Amino acid sequence: MRYTKDIRAKDESGREFLIEMQGSPHPFFPERLLFYWSKVYGAGIQKGMKYSGLSRVYSITFLNASLFKNTEDFHTTFLLLDKKTGKILLTDHLEMHILELEKVGKHLSRLETNLESWAYFFREVHNLTEEPLQELRSINPMIEKAIEELEYLSQDDKTRQLYEEQLKAEFDYNSGIYAAFRDGKLEGKQEGKLEGEFENKLQTARKMKDEGFNDDKIIRITGLSESQLREHGIAGE
């Protein structure tokens, strides 16, 4: 079974981040990563704008599997470098990070960095009891916020139901992309699938608004922006 959850975010400087968590990679995993990156990067410039208006787009993928057999490092970073020396950077607008969770240490005592503690948390979160959770809190205090969010989702039936609906919609979308790659029929279909994903998110957002959820919570669950909610009459009411 392949499980996928995507998050798209932007920081104060305008940099965009695509964050994905996957149980195991698709057969065309590298092509799929590049496809998602290119859609976000290309959407960063509109008619009449200059290329200088394009922002950096970072792709960050957590895999609960081992993808690269020729390295023991769990964190691999890819840039646009020249083939001959590997030192000349074409542009810093593309940066892809792949974290293979299976390669992270099995014991809390051996975790050396905050990144390792996060990777361990993501991999083991469903198996952790109170004692290792407390140890993780002491190693990396920022994990406390993630634990609070998980507890919140587990206790709120309405939020959990809407969250699961959103996961299902995105899983269906990702499965469609994979099928298009497999059948060699991606061209001409990708726009329709992207529109379908967006409509599913809008539907979830409207349900949440009807249930009385505030805008911040709707944005966090659906991944839509505040401007998108306002454009479709969902936010600010």
Protein backbone atom coordinates (compact mmCIF):
# COMPACT_ATOMS: atom_id res chain seq x y z
CA MET A 1 0.00 0.00 0.00
CA ARG A 2 1.27 3.47 -0.87
CA TYR A 3 0.32 6.29 1.44
CA THR A 4 0.88 9.87 0.34
CA LYS A 5 0.27 13.22 1.99
CA ASP A 6 1.40 16.48 0.40
CA ILE A 7 1.81 19.91 1.99
CA ARG A 8 2.57 23.13 0.14
CA ALA A 9 3.85 26.09 2.12
CA LYS A 10 5.50 29.48 1.61
CA ASP A 11 7.75 31.35 4.03
CA GLU A 12 7.97 35.11 4.61
CA SER A 13 10.71 35.54 1.98
CA GLY A 14 8.52 33.93 -0.71
CA ARG A 15 10.29 30.59 -0.91
CA GLU A 16 7.94 27.67 -1.59
CA PHE A 17 8.13 24.23 -0.01
CA LEU A 18 6.59 20.98 -1.22
CA ILE A 19 6.57 18.50 1.65
CA GLU A 20 5.51 14.93 0.98
CA MET A 21 5.30 11.82 3.12
CA GLN A 22 5.15 8.48 1.33
CA GLY A 23 5.05 4.88 2.45
CA SER A 24 6.99 3.68 -0.59
CA PRO A 25 8.04 5.32 -3.86
CA HIS A 26 6.11 5.02 -7.13
CA PRO A 27 7.88 3.30 -10.05
CA PHE A 28 8.39 6.74 -11.63
CA PHE A 29 9.22 8.46 -8.36
CA PRO A 30 11.99 10.83 -9.64
CA GLU A 31 9.87 11.93 -12.61
CA ARG A 32 6.90 12.48 -10.31
CA LEU A 33 8.97 14.66 -7.97
CA LEU A 34 10.19 16.77 -10.87
CA PHE A 35 6.68 17.05 -12.26
CA TYR A 36 5.26 18.42 -9.00
CA TRP A 37 8.19 20.79 -8.60
CA SER A 38 7.80 22.14 -12.14
CA LYS A 39 4.07 22.80 -11.70
CA VAL A 40 4.68 24.89 -8.58
CA TYR A 41 7.71 26.67 -10.04
CA GLY A 42 5.92 27.50 -13.31
CA ALA A 43 2.87 28.78 -11.43
CA GLY A 44 5.10 31.35 -9.73
CA ILE A 45 5.14 33.63 -12.76
CA GLN A 46 2.13 35.20 -14.44
CA LYS A 47 1.64 37.06 -17.71
CA GLY A 48 3.56 40.32 -17.72
CA MET A 49 5.92 39.30 -14.91
CA LYS A 50 9.70 38.99 -15.21
CA TYR A 51 11.69 35.83 -14.61
CA SER A 52 13.26 37.58 -11.64
CA GLY A 53 9.88 37.17 -9.95
CA LEU A 54 10.26 33.41 -9.77
CA SER A 55 10.88 32.04 -6.28
CA ARG A 56 12.92 29.12 -5.03
CA VAL A 57 10.95 25.90 -4.71
CA TYR A 58 12.17 23.25 -2.30
CA SER A 59 10.94 19.66 -2.52
CA ILE A 60 11.17 17.67 0.73
CA THR A 61 10.12 14.02 0.69
CA PHE A 62 9.98 11.60 3.62
CA LEU A 63 10.06 7.97 2.47
CA ASN A 64 9.32 5.08 4.80
CA ALA A 65 11.61 2.97 2.62
CA SER A 66 15.15 2.79 1.23
CA LEU A 67 15.50 4.29 -2.23
CA PHE A 68 19.24 4.67 -2.74
CA LYS A 69 21.13 1.43 -2.15
CA ASN A 70 24.60 2.94 -2.64
CA THR A 71 24.57 5.19 0.45
CA GLU A 72 23.85 4.74 4.15
CA ASP A 73 22.97 8.41 4.60
CA PHE A 74 19.26 8.89 5.20
CA HIS A 75 19.23 12.49 3.88
CA THR A 76 20.13 13.12 0.22
CA THR A 77 20.02 16.55 -1.44
CA PHE A 78 19.83 17.19 -5.19
CA LEU A 79 20.80 20.43 -6.95
CA LEU A 80 21.26 21.59 -10.56
CA LEU A 81 25.04 21.13 -10.93
CA ASP A 82 27.27 20.77 -13.98
CA LYS A 83 28.13 17.19 -14.94
CA LYS A 84 31.91 17.59 -15.32
CA THR A 85 32.92 19.10 -11.97
CA GLY A 86 29.75 18.93 -9.90
CA LYS A 87 30.63 22.35 -8.50
CA ILE A 88 28.98 24.82 -10.88
CA LEU A 89 25.42 25.60 -9.80
CA LEU A 90 23.06 26.53 -12.64
CA THR A 91 20.49 28.06 -10.26
CA ASP A 92 19.56 27.72 -6.60
CA HIS A 93 15.84 27.74 -7.42
CA LEU A 94 15.67 23.94 -7.41
CA GLU A 95 16.58 21.94 -4.34
CA MET A 96 15.23 18.45 -3.62
CA HIS A 97 15.62 16.67 -0.30
CA ILE A 98 14.82 12.97 0.11
CA LEU A 99 14.83 11.45 3.60
CA GLU A 100 14.75 7.65 3.81
CA LEU A 101 13.28 6.90 7.23
CA GLU A 102 14.34 3.25 7.23
CA LYS A 103 17.97 4.35 7.45
CA VAL A 104 17.53 6.35 10.65
CA GLY A 105 18.89 4.74 13.83
CA LYS A 106 16.60 2.36 15.69
CA HIS A 107 17.53 3.67 19.15
CA LEU A 108 16.77 7.10 20.60
CA SER A 109 20.14 7.23 22.33
CA ARG A 110 21.89 7.22 18.95
CA LEU A 111 20.05 10.18 17.45
CA GLU A 112 22.58 12.99 16.96
CA THR A 113 20.68 15.83 15.24
CA ASN A 114 17.23 17.44 15.31
CA LEU A 115 16.65 16.17 11.78
CA GLU A 116 17.32 12.60 12.90
CA SER A 117 14.90 12.99 15.81
CA TRP A 118 12.18 14.27 13.46
CA ALA A 119 12.78 11.40 11.04
CA TYR A 120 12.60 8.91 13.92
CA PHE A 121 9.38 10.52 15.14
CA PHE A 122 7.72 10.35 11.71
CA ARG A 123 8.66 6.70 11.32
CA GLU A 124 7.72 5.51 14.81
CA VAL A 125 4.89 7.87 15.75
CA HIS A 126 2.20 5.16 15.70
CA ASN A 127 4.26 2.87 17.93
CA LEU A 128 5.59 5.34 20.51
CA THR A 129 4.52 5.09 24.13
CA GLU A 130 4.73 7.86 26.71
CA GLU A 131 8.30 7.11 27.81
CA PRO A 132 9.97 7.42 24.36
CA LEU A 133 7.77 10.45 23.60
CA GLN A 134 9.10 12.15 26.72
CA GLU A 135 12.64 11.31 25.64
CA LEU A 136 12.01 12.78 22.20
CA ARG A 137 10.66 15.94 23.83
CA SER A 138 13.92 16.31 25.74
CA ILE A 139 16.02 15.69 22.63
CA ASN A 140 14.03 18.07 20.40
CA PRO A 141 11.50 20.37 22.17
CA MET A 142 9.93 21.35 18.82
CA ILE A 143 8.46 17.84 18.59
CA GLU A 144 6.11 18.84 21.41
CA LYS A 145 4.02 20.90 18.97
CA ALA A 146 3.68 17.93 16.59
CA ILE A 147 2.56 15.69 19.44
CA GLU A 148 -0.08 18.24 20.45
CA GLU A 149 -1.41 18.36 16.88
CA LEU A 150 -1.65 14.58 16.71
CA GLU A 151 -3.50 14.45 20.00
CA TYR A 152 -5.85 17.16 18.76
CA LEU A 153 -6.68 15.26 15.57
CA SER A 154 -7.22 12.03 17.46
CA GLN A 155 -9.70 13.65 19.87
CA ASP A 156 -11.75 15.75 17.42
CA ASP A 157 -14.09 13.50 15.43
CA LYS A 158 -15.20 16.19 12.97
CA THR A 159 -11.63 17.30 12.20
CA ARG A 160 -10.43 13.72 11.83
CA GLN A 161 -13.27 12.87 9.42
CA LEU A 162 -12.57 15.91 7.23
CA TYR A 163 -8.85 15.22 7.37
CA GLU A 164 -9.38 11.63 6.22
CA GLU A 165 -11.63 12.83 3.39
CA GLN A 166 -8.86 15.15 2.24
CA LEU A 167 -6.30 12.32 2.41
CA LYS A 168 -8.56 10.11 0.30
CA ALA A 169 -9.05 12.84 -2.31
CA GLU A 170 -5.30 13.41 -2.61
CA PHE A 171 -4.60 9.66 -2.69
CA ASP A 172 -7.06 9.28 -5.58
CA TYR A 173 -5.38 12.17 -7.37
CA ASN A 174 -1.88 10.73 -6.91
CA SER A 175 -3.06 7.32 -8.09
CA GLY A 176 -4.41 8.97 -11.24
CA ILE A 177 -1.07 10.66 -11.92
CA TYR A 178 0.73 7.33 -11.53
CA ALA A 179 -1.70 5.60 -13.89
CA ALA A 180 -1.18 8.33 -16.48
CA PHE A 181 2.59 7.89 -16.26
CA ARG A 182 2.23 4.11 -16.52
CA ASP A 183 0.03 4.28 -19.59
CA GLY A 184 2.03 7.05 -21.25
CA LYS A 185 -1.01 9.31 -21.34
CA LEU A 186 -0.07 12.10 -18.96
CA GLU A 187 -0.07 14.85 -21.56
CA GLY A 188 -3.44 16.48 -21.90
CA LYS A 189 -4.75 15.03 -18.64
CA GLN A 190 -2.61 16.64 -15.96
CA GLU A 191 -4.48 19.95 -15.93
CA GLY A 192 -7.81 18.21 -15.41
CA LYS A 193 -6.44 16.16 -12.55
CA LEU A 194 -4.95 19.21 -10.87
CA GLU A 195 -8.29 20.98 -11.17
CA GLY A 196 -10.00 17.94 -9.66
CA GLU A 197 -7.67 17.97 -6.67
CA PHE A 198 -8.32 21.68 -6.15
CA GLU A 199 -12.10 21.17 -6.29
CA ASN A 200 -11.84 18.39 -3.68
CA LYS A 201 -9.97 20.75 -1.38
CA LEU A 202 -12.60 23.46 -1.89
CA GLN A 203 -15.35 20.98 -1.08
CA THR A 204 -13.60 19.99 2.15
CA ALA A 205 -13.08 23.67 3.04
CA ARG A 206 -16.79 24.44 2.53
CA LYS A 207 -17.76 21.53 4.78
CA MET A 208 -15.41 22.76 7.47
CA LYS A 209 -16.80 26.31 7.21
CA ASP A 210 -20.35 24.96 7.58
CA GLU A 211 -19.23 23.08 10.69
CA GLY A 212 -17.91 26.30 12.23
CA PHE A 213 -14.15 25.81 11.81
CA ASN A 214 -12.07 28.99 11.67
CA ASP A 215 -9.99 30.00 8.64
CA ASP A 216 -6.63 29.04 10.17
CA LYS A 217 -7.78 25.50 10.82
CA ILE A 218 -9.27 25.18 7.32
CA ILE A 219 -5.99 26.35 5.76
CA ARG A 220 -3.99 23.88 7.87
CA ILE A 221 -6.18 20.88 7.01
CA THR A 222 -6.79 21.55 3.29
CA GLY A 223 -3.52 23.21 2.28
CA LEU A 224 -5.41 26.02 0.55
CA SER A 225 -4.22 29.60 0.95
CA GLU A 226 -6.23 32.41 2.56
CA SER A 227 -6.50 34.18 -0.80
CA GLN A 228 -7.93 31.03 -2.40
CA LEU A 229 -10.52 30.74 0.36
CA ARG A 230 -11.50 34.40 -0.06
CA GLU A 231 -11.67 34.07 -3.84
CA HIS A 232 -14.24 31.29 -3.48
CA GLY A 233 -16.25 32.98 -0.73
CA ILE A 234 -15.14 30.67 2.09
CA ALA A 235 -12.90 32.85 4.26
CA GLY A 236 -13.73 35.95 6.23
CA GLU A 237 -17.39 35.31 6.76
